[in-house]
Amino acid sequence: TDPSGDECIYSDDDEMFSVGFYKSKDGSALIVGSQSSDTSEWHLLALRDGDENIERPPPTLTVVEPRKDGVEYDVETWHGDVYVITNKDDARNFKLVSAPVATPSSENWKEVLPYDEAVKLDGFSPFRDFAVVSGRKDGFTQLWLMRRDGDERVLDVLSFEEDAHAVYP
């Protein structure tokens, strides 16, 4: 189609921020936002599914958490929830929280992996039946496997025979 008719859904005029976007790994959302060296702001855009001939309202962006200087976070979706790795509330090494996709703001966040000074969280990678949380504990790279058991989340630490190891999701 001719791009001259395309609508801009997001822009950021602040020169300190870079705009980015990606499709969530479960395919349910387009994640759009801005980041600087120490601050981020992400929005969710529900992706359409089903019959494109059905008239629907135009899609809208939902902010996960408004930009606040010094607060960083990354976002993924999994099983109807948004998972956020963030340094909000002085979580210097980051913590993992979740909220329903429909209400993703911090007032709805529930701790999944609470802040632990000895643990640095780096990423959340969802798959169909489980998710992988990556980070460091006691200086070594570490992976935690998370699966759902009904409404409960079960976390297992991947253990290794050797004390010294490096692993990545």
N, C-alpha and C. Protein backbone atom coordinates (compact mmCIF):
# COMPACT_ATOMS: atom_id res chain seq x y z
N THR A 1 0.84 -1.19 0.00
CA THR A 1 0.00 0.00 0.00
C THR A 1 0.88 1.24 0.00
N ASP A 2 0.28 2.34 -0.36
CA ASP A 2 1.00 3.61 -0.39
C ASP A 2 1.23 4.11 1.03
N PRO A 3 2.48 4.29 1.45
CA PRO A 3 2.77 4.70 2.83
C PRO A 3 2.35 6.13 3.16
N SER A 4 1.99 6.93 2.16
CA SER A 4 1.60 8.31 2.46
C SER A 4 0.32 8.37 3.30
N GLY A 5 -0.47 7.31 3.28
CA GLY A 5 -1.69 7.27 4.07
C GLY A 5 -1.50 6.64 5.45
N ASP A 6 -0.28 6.20 5.76
CA ASP A 6 -0.02 5.57 7.05
C ASP A 6 -0.13 6.57 8.19
N GLU A 7 -0.58 6.08 9.32
CA GLU A 7 -0.72 6.91 10.51
C GLU A 7 0.43 6.64 11.47
N CYS A 8 1.04 7.70 11.99
CA CYS A 8 2.09 7.55 13.00
C CYS A 8 1.41 7.26 14.33
N ILE A 9 1.78 6.13 14.97
CA ILE A 9 1.15 5.79 16.25
C ILE A 9 2.02 6.15 17.44
N TYR A 10 3.30 6.44 17.21
CA TYR A 10 4.18 6.78 18.33
C TYR A 10 5.39 7.55 17.82
N SER A 11 5.76 8.58 18.56
CA SER A 11 7.00 9.31 18.29
C SER A 11 7.47 9.91 19.61
N ASP A 12 8.74 10.27 19.65
CA ASP A 12 9.32 10.86 20.86
C ASP A 12 10.25 11.97 20.41
N ASP A 13 9.95 13.19 20.81
CA ASP A 13 10.75 14.35 20.39
C ASP A 13 11.96 14.60 21.27
N ASP A 14 12.12 13.84 22.34
CA ASP A 14 13.26 14.02 23.24
C ASP A 14 14.50 13.39 22.61
N GLU A 15 15.52 14.20 22.34
CA GLU A 15 16.73 13.73 21.67
C GLU A 15 17.52 12.72 22.50
N MET A 16 17.27 12.68 23.80
CA MET A 16 17.99 11.75 24.67
C MET A 16 17.43 10.32 24.59
N PHE A 17 16.28 10.16 23.92
CA PHE A 17 15.61 8.87 23.86
C PHE A 17 15.62 8.29 22.46
N SER A 18 15.76 6.97 22.39
CA SER A 18 15.66 6.24 21.14
C SER A 18 14.34 5.48 21.14
N VAL A 19 13.66 5.49 20.01
CA VAL A 19 12.38 4.80 19.88
C VAL A 19 12.64 3.41 19.32
N GLY A 20 11.92 2.43 19.87
CA GLY A 20 12.03 1.07 19.39
C GLY A 20 10.71 0.35 19.45
N PHE A 21 10.63 -0.78 18.78
CA PHE A 21 9.42 -1.59 18.84
C PHE A 21 9.78 -3.03 18.53
N TYR A 22 8.97 -3.94 19.05
CA TYR A 22 9.13 -5.35 18.76
C TYR A 22 7.81 -6.05 19.02
N LYS A 23 7.64 -7.20 18.40
CA LYS A 23 6.46 -8.02 18.62
C LYS A 23 6.74 -8.90 19.82
N SER A 24 5.78 -8.98 20.74
CA SER A 24 5.96 -9.85 21.91
C SER A 24 6.16 -11.29 21.42
N LYS A 25 6.89 -12.05 22.21
CA LYS A 25 7.22 -13.42 21.78
C LYS A 25 5.99 -14.30 21.66
N ASP A 26 4.92 -14.00 22.40
CA ASP A 26 3.70 -14.80 22.25
C ASP A 26 2.81 -14.28 21.13
N GLY A 27 3.23 -13.19 20.48
CA GLY A 27 2.51 -12.66 19.33
C GLY A 27 1.27 -11.86 19.65
N SER A 28 1.00 -11.60 20.92
CA SER A 28 -0.25 -10.93 21.28
C SER A 28 -0.18 -9.41 21.23
N ALA A 29 1.03 -8.85 21.20
CA ALA A 29 1.15 -7.39 21.29
C ALA A 29 2.35 -6.88 20.52
N LEU A 30 2.22 -5.66 20.06
CA LEU A 30 3.35 -4.90 19.58
C LEU A 30 3.78 -4.03 20.76
N ILE A 31 5.05 -4.07 21.09
CA ILE A 31 5.58 -3.31 22.22
C ILE A 31 6.38 -2.16 21.65
N VAL A 32 5.96 -0.93 21.97
CA VAL A 32 6.51 0.28 21.38
C VAL A 32 6.95 1.20 22.49
N GLY A 33 8.11 1.82 22.34
CA GLY A 33 8.51 2.73 23.40
C GLY A 33 9.81 3.45 23.15
N SER A 34 10.29 4.08 24.22
CA SER A 34 11.49 4.90 24.18
C SER A 34 12.39 4.54 25.35
N GLN A 35 13.71 4.64 25.09
CA GLN A 35 14.69 4.38 26.14
C GLN A 35 15.82 5.38 26.03
N SER A 36 16.37 5.76 27.20
CA SER A 36 17.62 6.49 27.26
C SER A 36 18.59 5.59 28.02
N SER A 37 19.70 6.13 28.45
CA SER A 37 20.68 5.29 29.16
C SER A 37 20.17 4.84 30.53
N ASP A 38 19.21 5.55 31.12
CA ASP A 38 18.75 5.15 32.46
C ASP A 38 17.24 5.29 32.68
N THR A 39 16.48 5.44 31.62
CA THR A 39 15.03 5.64 31.73
C THR A 39 14.34 4.97 30.56
N SER A 40 13.19 4.36 30.81
CA SER A 40 12.43 3.76 29.71
C SER A 40 10.93 3.95 29.91
N GLU A 41 10.22 3.83 28.79
CA GLU A 41 8.75 3.92 28.79
C GLU A 41 8.25 3.05 27.64
N TRP A 42 7.41 2.07 27.96
CA TRP A 42 6.90 1.15 26.95
C TRP A 42 5.38 1.16 26.92
N HIS A 43 4.86 0.88 25.73
CA HIS A 43 3.41 0.83 25.48
C HIS A 43 3.08 -0.50 24.82
N LEU A 44 1.87 -0.98 25.05
CA LEU A 44 1.38 -2.20 24.42
C LEU A 44 0.31 -1.84 23.40
N LEU A 45 0.36 -2.52 22.26
CA LEU A 45 -0.66 -2.39 21.24
C LEU A 45 -1.14 -3.80 20.94
N ALA A 46 -2.38 -4.11 21.33
CA ALA A 46 -2.94 -5.44 21.08
C ALA A 46 -2.99 -5.68 19.57
N LEU A 47 -2.51 -6.84 19.16
CA LEU A 47 -2.53 -7.18 17.74
C LEU A 47 -3.84 -7.86 17.40
N ARG A 48 -4.35 -7.56 16.23
CA ARG A 48 -5.62 -8.13 15.78
C ARG A 48 -5.45 -9.59 15.41
N ASP A 49 -6.50 -10.33 15.64
CA ASP A 49 -6.51 -11.72 15.18
C ASP A 49 -7.89 -12.01 14.64
N GLY A 50 -7.99 -13.07 13.90
CA GLY A 50 -9.29 -13.46 13.38
C GLY A 50 -9.61 -12.78 12.06
N ASP A 51 -10.86 -12.63 11.78
CA ASP A 51 -11.37 -12.13 10.50
C ASP A 51 -11.13 -10.63 10.38
N GLU A 52 -10.30 -10.25 9.44
CA GLU A 52 -9.99 -8.83 9.23
C GLU A 52 -11.17 -8.06 8.60
N ASN A 53 -12.20 -8.77 8.14
CA ASN A 53 -13.36 -8.11 7.53
C ASN A 53 -14.34 -7.59 8.57
N ILE A 54 -14.13 -7.97 9.83
CA ILE A 54 -15.00 -7.48 10.90
C ILE A 54 -14.53 -6.08 11.28
N GLU A 55 -15.49 -5.16 11.37
CA GLU A 55 -15.13 -3.79 11.74
C GLU A 55 -14.80 -3.71 13.23
N ARG A 56 -13.64 -3.14 13.53
CA ARG A 56 -13.19 -3.00 14.91
C ARG A 56 -12.77 -1.56 15.14
N PRO A 57 -12.78 -1.13 16.40
CA PRO A 57 -12.26 0.22 16.68
C PRO A 57 -10.77 0.25 16.39
N PRO A 58 -10.21 1.43 16.10
CA PRO A 58 -8.77 1.50 15.84
C PRO A 58 -7.98 1.08 17.08
N PRO A 59 -6.86 0.42 16.88
CA PRO A 59 -6.05 0.00 18.02
C PRO A 59 -5.47 1.21 18.75
N THR A 60 -5.29 1.06 20.05
CA THR A 60 -4.71 2.14 20.84
C THR A 60 -3.55 1.62 21.67
N LEU A 61 -2.59 2.50 21.92
CA LEU A 61 -1.44 2.17 22.76
C LEU A 61 -1.83 2.31 24.23
N THR A 62 -1.39 1.35 25.03
CA THR A 62 -1.59 1.39 26.48
C THR A 62 -0.23 1.50 27.12
N VAL A 63 0.01 2.57 27.88
CA VAL A 63 1.31 2.73 28.53
C VAL A 63 1.43 1.72 29.67
N VAL A 64 2.59 1.07 29.76
CA VAL A 64 2.83 0.14 30.85
C VAL A 64 3.11 0.93 32.12
N GLU A 65 4.06 1.84 32.04
CA GLU A 65 4.39 2.71 33.18
C GLU A 65 4.94 4.01 32.61
N PRO A 66 4.35 5.16 32.97
CA PRO A 66 4.84 6.43 32.44
C PRO A 66 6.31 6.65 32.79
N ARG A 67 6.97 7.35 31.91
CA ARG A 67 8.39 7.65 32.07
C ARG A 67 8.67 8.37 33.38
N LYS A 68 9.67 7.89 34.10
CA LYS A 68 10.13 8.53 35.33
C LYS A 68 11.65 8.46 35.31
N ASP A 69 12.29 9.59 35.49
CA ASP A 69 13.74 9.67 35.40
C ASP A 69 14.40 8.62 36.30
N GLY A 70 15.29 7.82 35.73
CA GLY A 70 16.04 6.82 36.48
C GLY A 70 15.37 5.47 36.59
N VAL A 71 14.11 5.34 36.12
CA VAL A 71 13.41 4.06 36.19
C VAL A 71 13.50 3.36 34.83
N GLU A 72 14.09 2.17 34.86
CA GLU A 72 14.21 1.36 33.65
C GLU A 72 13.31 0.14 33.78
N TYR A 73 12.78 -0.30 32.65
CA TYR A 73 12.05 -1.56 32.65
C TYR A 73 11.97 -2.11 31.25
N ASP A 74 11.84 -3.44 31.17
CA ASP A 74 11.62 -4.16 29.92
C ASP A 74 10.35 -4.98 30.06
N VAL A 75 9.69 -5.24 28.94
CA VAL A 75 8.35 -5.80 28.95
C VAL A 75 8.25 -7.02 28.02
N GLU A 76 7.51 -8.01 28.45
CA GLU A 76 7.10 -9.14 27.61
C GLU A 76 5.70 -9.55 28.04
N THR A 77 5.00 -10.27 27.18
CA THR A 77 3.67 -10.78 27.53
C THR A 77 3.71 -12.30 27.52
N TRP A 78 2.88 -12.88 28.41
CA TRP A 78 2.82 -14.34 28.51
C TRP A 78 1.54 -14.73 29.23
N HIS A 79 0.73 -15.56 28.60
CA HIS A 79 -0.51 -16.08 29.19
C HIS A 79 -1.42 -14.97 29.72
N GLY A 80 -1.57 -13.89 28.96
CA GLY A 80 -2.51 -12.83 29.33
C GLY A 80 -1.97 -11.83 30.34
N ASP A 81 -0.73 -11.98 30.73
CA ASP A 81 -0.11 -11.03 31.66
C ASP A 81 1.07 -10.34 31.00
N VAL A 82 1.38 -9.18 31.52
CA VAL A 82 2.61 -8.49 31.11
C VAL A 82 3.63 -8.73 32.21
N TYR A 83 4.84 -9.11 31.82
CA TYR A 83 5.93 -9.34 32.77
C TYR A 83 6.94 -8.22 32.59
N VAL A 84 7.35 -7.64 33.71
CA VAL A 84 8.19 -6.44 33.69
C VAL A 84 9.41 -6.69 34.56
N ILE A 85 10.59 -6.52 33.97
CA ILE A 85 11.83 -6.51 34.76
C ILE A 85 12.17 -5.04 34.95
N THR A 86 12.25 -4.61 36.21
CA THR A 86 12.37 -3.18 36.49
C THR A 86 13.27 -2.89 37.68
N ASN A 87 13.80 -1.68 37.69
CA ASN A 87 14.56 -1.20 38.86
C ASN A 87 13.72 -0.22 39.69
N LYS A 88 12.42 -0.15 39.41
CA LYS A 88 11.52 0.74 40.16
C LYS A 88 11.57 0.40 41.65
N ASP A 89 11.36 1.40 42.48
CA ASP A 89 11.36 1.26 43.94
C ASP A 89 12.73 0.83 44.47
N ASP A 90 13.78 1.42 43.89
CA ASP A 90 15.16 1.19 44.34
C ASP A 90 15.62 -0.25 44.18
N ALA A 91 15.07 -0.98 43.23
CA ALA A 91 15.51 -2.35 42.95
C ALA A 91 16.71 -2.27 42.00
N ARG A 92 17.83 -1.88 42.53
CA ARG A 92 19.03 -1.59 41.74
C ARG A 92 19.43 -2.73 40.80
N ASN A 93 19.28 -3.97 41.26
CA ASN A 93 19.62 -5.13 40.43
C ASN A 93 18.40 -5.72 39.73
N PHE A 94 17.29 -5.02 39.79
CA PHE A 94 16.05 -5.35 39.11
C PHE A 94 15.27 -6.45 39.82
N LYS A 95 13.97 -6.44 39.56
CA LYS A 95 13.03 -7.43 40.09
C LYS A 95 12.06 -7.76 38.96
N LEU A 96 11.34 -8.86 39.10
CA LEU A 96 10.36 -9.27 38.10
C LEU A 96 8.97 -9.15 38.70
N VAL A 97 8.10 -8.43 38.00
CA VAL A 97 6.71 -8.24 38.42
C VAL A 97 5.80 -8.59 37.25
N SER A 98 4.52 -8.76 37.54
CA SER A 98 3.56 -9.01 36.47
C SER A 98 2.25 -8.29 36.78
N ALA A 99 1.46 -8.11 35.74
CA ALA A 99 0.13 -7.51 35.85
C ALA A 99 -0.69 -7.98 34.66
N PRO A 100 -2.00 -7.90 34.74
CA PRO A 100 -2.82 -8.24 33.57
C PRO A 100 -2.50 -7.30 32.40
N VAL A 101 -2.51 -7.83 31.18
CA VAL A 101 -2.22 -7.01 30.00
C VAL A 101 -3.17 -5.83 29.91
N ALA A 102 -4.42 -6.00 30.32
CA ALA A 102 -5.41 -4.93 30.23
C ALA A 102 -5.13 -3.79 31.21
N THR A 103 -4.42 -4.08 32.31
CA THR A 103 -4.12 -3.06 33.33
C THR A 103 -2.65 -3.19 33.75
N PRO A 104 -1.72 -2.79 32.85
CA PRO A 104 -0.30 -3.10 33.09
C PRO A 104 0.46 -2.14 34.00
N SER A 105 -0.16 -1.08 34.50
CA SER A 105 0.58 -0.07 35.27
C SER A 105 1.04 -0.59 36.62
N SER A 106 2.00 0.11 37.23
CA SER A 106 2.65 -0.38 38.45
C SER A 106 1.69 -0.55 39.63
N GLU A 107 0.57 0.16 39.65
CA GLU A 107 -0.36 -0.04 40.76
C GLU A 107 -0.97 -1.45 40.74
N ASN A 108 -0.84 -2.15 39.61
CA ASN A 108 -1.35 -3.52 39.50
C ASN A 108 -0.25 -4.58 39.52
N TRP A 109 1.00 -4.15 39.68
CA TRP A 109 2.11 -5.09 39.65
C TRP A 109 2.09 -6.00 40.87
N LYS A 110 2.34 -7.28 40.61
CA LYS A 110 2.52 -8.27 41.67
C LYS A 110 3.92 -8.84 41.52
N GLU A 111 4.62 -8.98 42.62
CA GLU A 111 5.99 -9.48 42.56
C GLU A 111 6.01 -10.96 42.18
N VAL A 112 6.85 -11.27 41.22
CA VAL A 112 7.10 -12.65 40.80
C VAL A 112 8.44 -13.10 41.37
N LEU A 113 9.47 -12.31 41.13
CA LEU A 113 10.78 -12.49 41.75
C LEU A 113 11.10 -11.18 42.45
N PRO A 114 10.91 -11.12 43.76
CA PRO A 114 11.15 -9.87 44.48
C PRO A 114 12.62 -9.45 44.39
N TYR A 115 12.87 -8.20 44.69
CA TYR A 115 14.23 -7.68 44.67
C TYR A 115 15.10 -8.44 45.66
N ASP A 116 16.27 -8.84 45.19
CA ASP A 116 17.26 -9.52 46.01
C ASP A 116 18.60 -8.90 45.67
N GLU A 117 19.23 -8.28 46.64
CA GLU A 117 20.50 -7.59 46.42
C GLU A 117 21.57 -8.51 45.83
N ALA A 118 21.49 -9.82 46.10
CA ALA A 118 22.49 -10.78 45.63
C ALA A 118 22.20 -11.31 44.22
N VAL A 119 21.06 -10.91 43.65
CA VAL A 119 20.64 -11.42 42.34
C VAL A 119 20.46 -10.25 41.38
N LYS A 120 21.02 -10.35 40.19
CA LYS A 120 20.83 -9.36 39.13
C LYS A 120 19.98 -10.01 38.05
N LEU A 121 18.81 -9.48 37.78
CA LEU A 121 17.94 -10.01 36.73
C LEU A 121 18.21 -9.28 35.42
N ASP A 122 18.33 -10.05 34.33
CA ASP A 122 18.65 -9.47 33.03
C ASP A 122 17.56 -9.63 31.99
N GLY A 123 16.79 -10.73 32.03
CA GLY A 123 15.83 -10.93 30.97
C GLY A 123 14.72 -11.90 31.32
N PHE A 124 13.64 -11.80 30.55
CA PHE A 124 12.49 -12.69 30.68
C PHE A 124 12.14 -13.16 29.27
N SER A 125 12.22 -14.48 29.03
CA SER A 125 11.95 -15.04 27.71
C SER A 125 10.84 -16.07 27.80
N PRO A 126 9.63 -15.72 27.34
CA PRO A 126 8.51 -16.65 27.43
C PRO A 126 8.48 -17.63 26.26
N PHE A 127 8.04 -18.84 26.55
CA PHE A 127 7.79 -19.87 25.56
C PHE A 127 6.37 -20.37 25.82
N ARG A 128 5.87 -21.29 25.05
CA ARG A 128 4.49 -21.72 25.20
C ARG A 128 4.20 -22.28 26.60
N ASP A 129 5.03 -23.22 27.07
CA ASP A 129 4.73 -23.92 28.31
C ASP A 129 5.57 -23.47 29.50
N PHE A 130 6.53 -22.61 29.28
CA PHE A 130 7.40 -22.14 30.36
C PHE A 130 8.04 -20.83 29.95
N ALA A 131 8.66 -20.18 30.91
CA ALA A 131 9.42 -18.96 30.64
C ALA A 131 10.79 -19.11 31.30
N VAL A 132 11.77 -18.40 30.77
CA VAL A 132 13.12 -18.42 31.32
C VAL A 132 13.45 -17.02 31.81
N VAL A 133 13.89 -16.93 33.06
CA VAL A 133 14.39 -15.68 33.61
C VAL A 133 15.91 -15.83 33.66
N SER A 134 16.61 -14.85 33.11
CA SER A 134 18.08 -14.91 33.11
C SER A 134 18.64 -13.82 33.99
N GLY A 135 19.80 -14.11 34.56
CA GLY A 135 20.45 -13.13 35.41
C GLY A 135 21.73 -13.68 35.99
N ARG A 136 22.12 -13.13 37.13
CA ARG A 136 23.32 -13.56 37.82
C ARG A 136 23.02 -13.72 39.31
N LYS A 137 23.62 -14.74 39.89
CA LYS A 137 23.55 -14.92 41.34
C LYS A 137 24.94 -15.31 41.80
N ASP A 138 25.42 -14.64 42.85
CA ASP A 138 26.77 -14.88 43.36
C ASP A 138 27.82 -14.73 42.27
N GLY A 139 27.56 -13.85 41.30
CA GLY A 139 28.53 -13.58 40.25
C GLY A 139 28.45 -14.51 39.06
N PHE A 140 27.68 -15.58 39.13
CA PHE A 140 27.57 -16.53 38.04
C PHE A 140 26.26 -16.33 37.29
N THR A 141 26.31 -16.56 35.96
CA THR A 141 25.08 -16.50 35.18
C THR A 141 24.14 -17.60 35.68
N GLN A 142 22.86 -17.30 35.66
CA GLN A 142 21.86 -18.22 36.21
C GLN A 142 20.60 -18.16 35.36
N LEU A 143 19.93 -19.28 35.25
CA LEU A 143 18.62 -19.35 34.60
C LEU A 143 17.61 -19.91 35.58
N TRP A 144 16.44 -19.30 35.61
CA TRP A 144 15.32 -19.79 36.40
C TRP A 144 14.22 -20.17 35.40
N LEU A 145 13.65 -21.36 35.55
CA LEU A 145 12.55 -21.80 34.70
C LEU A 145 11.24 -21.57 35.44
N MET A 146 10.32 -20.92 34.78
CA MET A 146 9.03 -20.65 35.39
C MET A 146 7.94 -21.33 34.55
N ARG A 147 7.07 -22.04 35.24
CA ARG A 147 5.93 -22.65 34.56
C ARG A 147 4.67 -22.30 35.34
N ARG A 148 3.55 -22.42 34.67
CA ARG A 148 2.27 -22.14 35.30
C ARG A 148 1.64 -23.46 35.72
N ASP A 149 1.10 -23.47 36.91
CA ASP A 149 0.34 -24.61 37.42
C ASP A 149 -0.99 -24.03 37.88
N GLY A 150 -1.95 -23.99 36.96
CA GLY A 150 -3.20 -23.27 37.23
C GLY A 150 -2.89 -21.79 37.32
N ASP A 151 -3.29 -21.16 38.42
CA ASP A 151 -3.01 -19.74 38.61
C ASP A 151 -1.66 -19.50 39.29
N GLU A 152 -1.01 -20.58 39.72
CA GLU A 152 0.27 -20.46 40.42
C GLU A 152 1.44 -20.46 39.42
N ARG A 153 2.49 -19.73 39.78
CA ARG A 153 3.74 -19.77 39.04
C ARG A 153 4.74 -20.59 39.85
N VAL A 154 5.36 -21.55 39.20
CA VAL A 154 6.35 -22.40 39.86
C VAL A 154 7.71 -22.06 39.28
N LEU A 155 8.67 -21.74 40.15
CA LEU A 155 10.02 -21.39 39.72
C LEU A 155 11.00 -22.47 40.11
N ASP A 156 11.81 -22.88 39.16
CA ASP A 156 12.87 -23.85 39.40
C ASP A 156 14.19 -23.22 38.97
N VAL A 157 15.21 -23.40 39.77
CA VAL A 157 16.55 -22.92 39.43
C VAL A 157 17.24 -24.02 38.63
N LEU A 158 17.80 -23.65 37.50
CA LEU A 158 18.61 -24.61 36.75
C LEU A 158 19.93 -24.77 37.48
N SER A 159 20.25 -25.98 37.88
CA SER A 159 21.49 -26.19 38.63
C SER A 159 22.51 -26.90 37.74
N PHE A 160 23.78 -26.71 38.09
CA PHE A 160 24.88 -27.25 37.30
C PHE A 160 25.85 -27.96 38.23
N GLU A 161 26.50 -29.00 37.71
CA GLU A 161 27.45 -29.76 38.53
C GLU A 161 28.67 -28.93 38.91
N GLU A 162 29.10 -28.08 38.01
CA GLU A 162 30.30 -27.26 38.25
C GLU A 162 29.90 -25.95 38.92
N ASP A 163 30.72 -25.50 39.85
CA ASP A 163 30.47 -24.19 40.48
C ASP A 163 30.62 -23.07 39.47
N ALA A 164 31.67 -23.15 38.65
CA ALA A 164 31.93 -22.12 37.65
C ALA A 164 31.20 -22.50 36.36
N HIS A 165 30.31 -21.65 35.90
CA HIS A 165 29.56 -21.93 34.68
C HIS A 165 29.06 -20.63 34.09
N ALA A 166 28.71 -20.68 32.81
CA ALA A 166 28.08 -19.56 32.12
C ALA A 166 26.96 -20.14 31.27
N VAL A 167 25.75 -19.59 31.38
CA VAL A 167 24.61 -20.06 30.61
C VAL A 167 23.82 -18.86 30.11
N TYR A 168 23.12 -19.04 29.00
CA TYR A 168 22.31 -17.98 28.41
C TYR A 168 21.04 -18.59 27.85
N PRO A 169 19.94 -17.87 27.89
CA PRO A 169 18.68 -18.42 27.36
C PRO A 169 18.71 -18.54 25.85
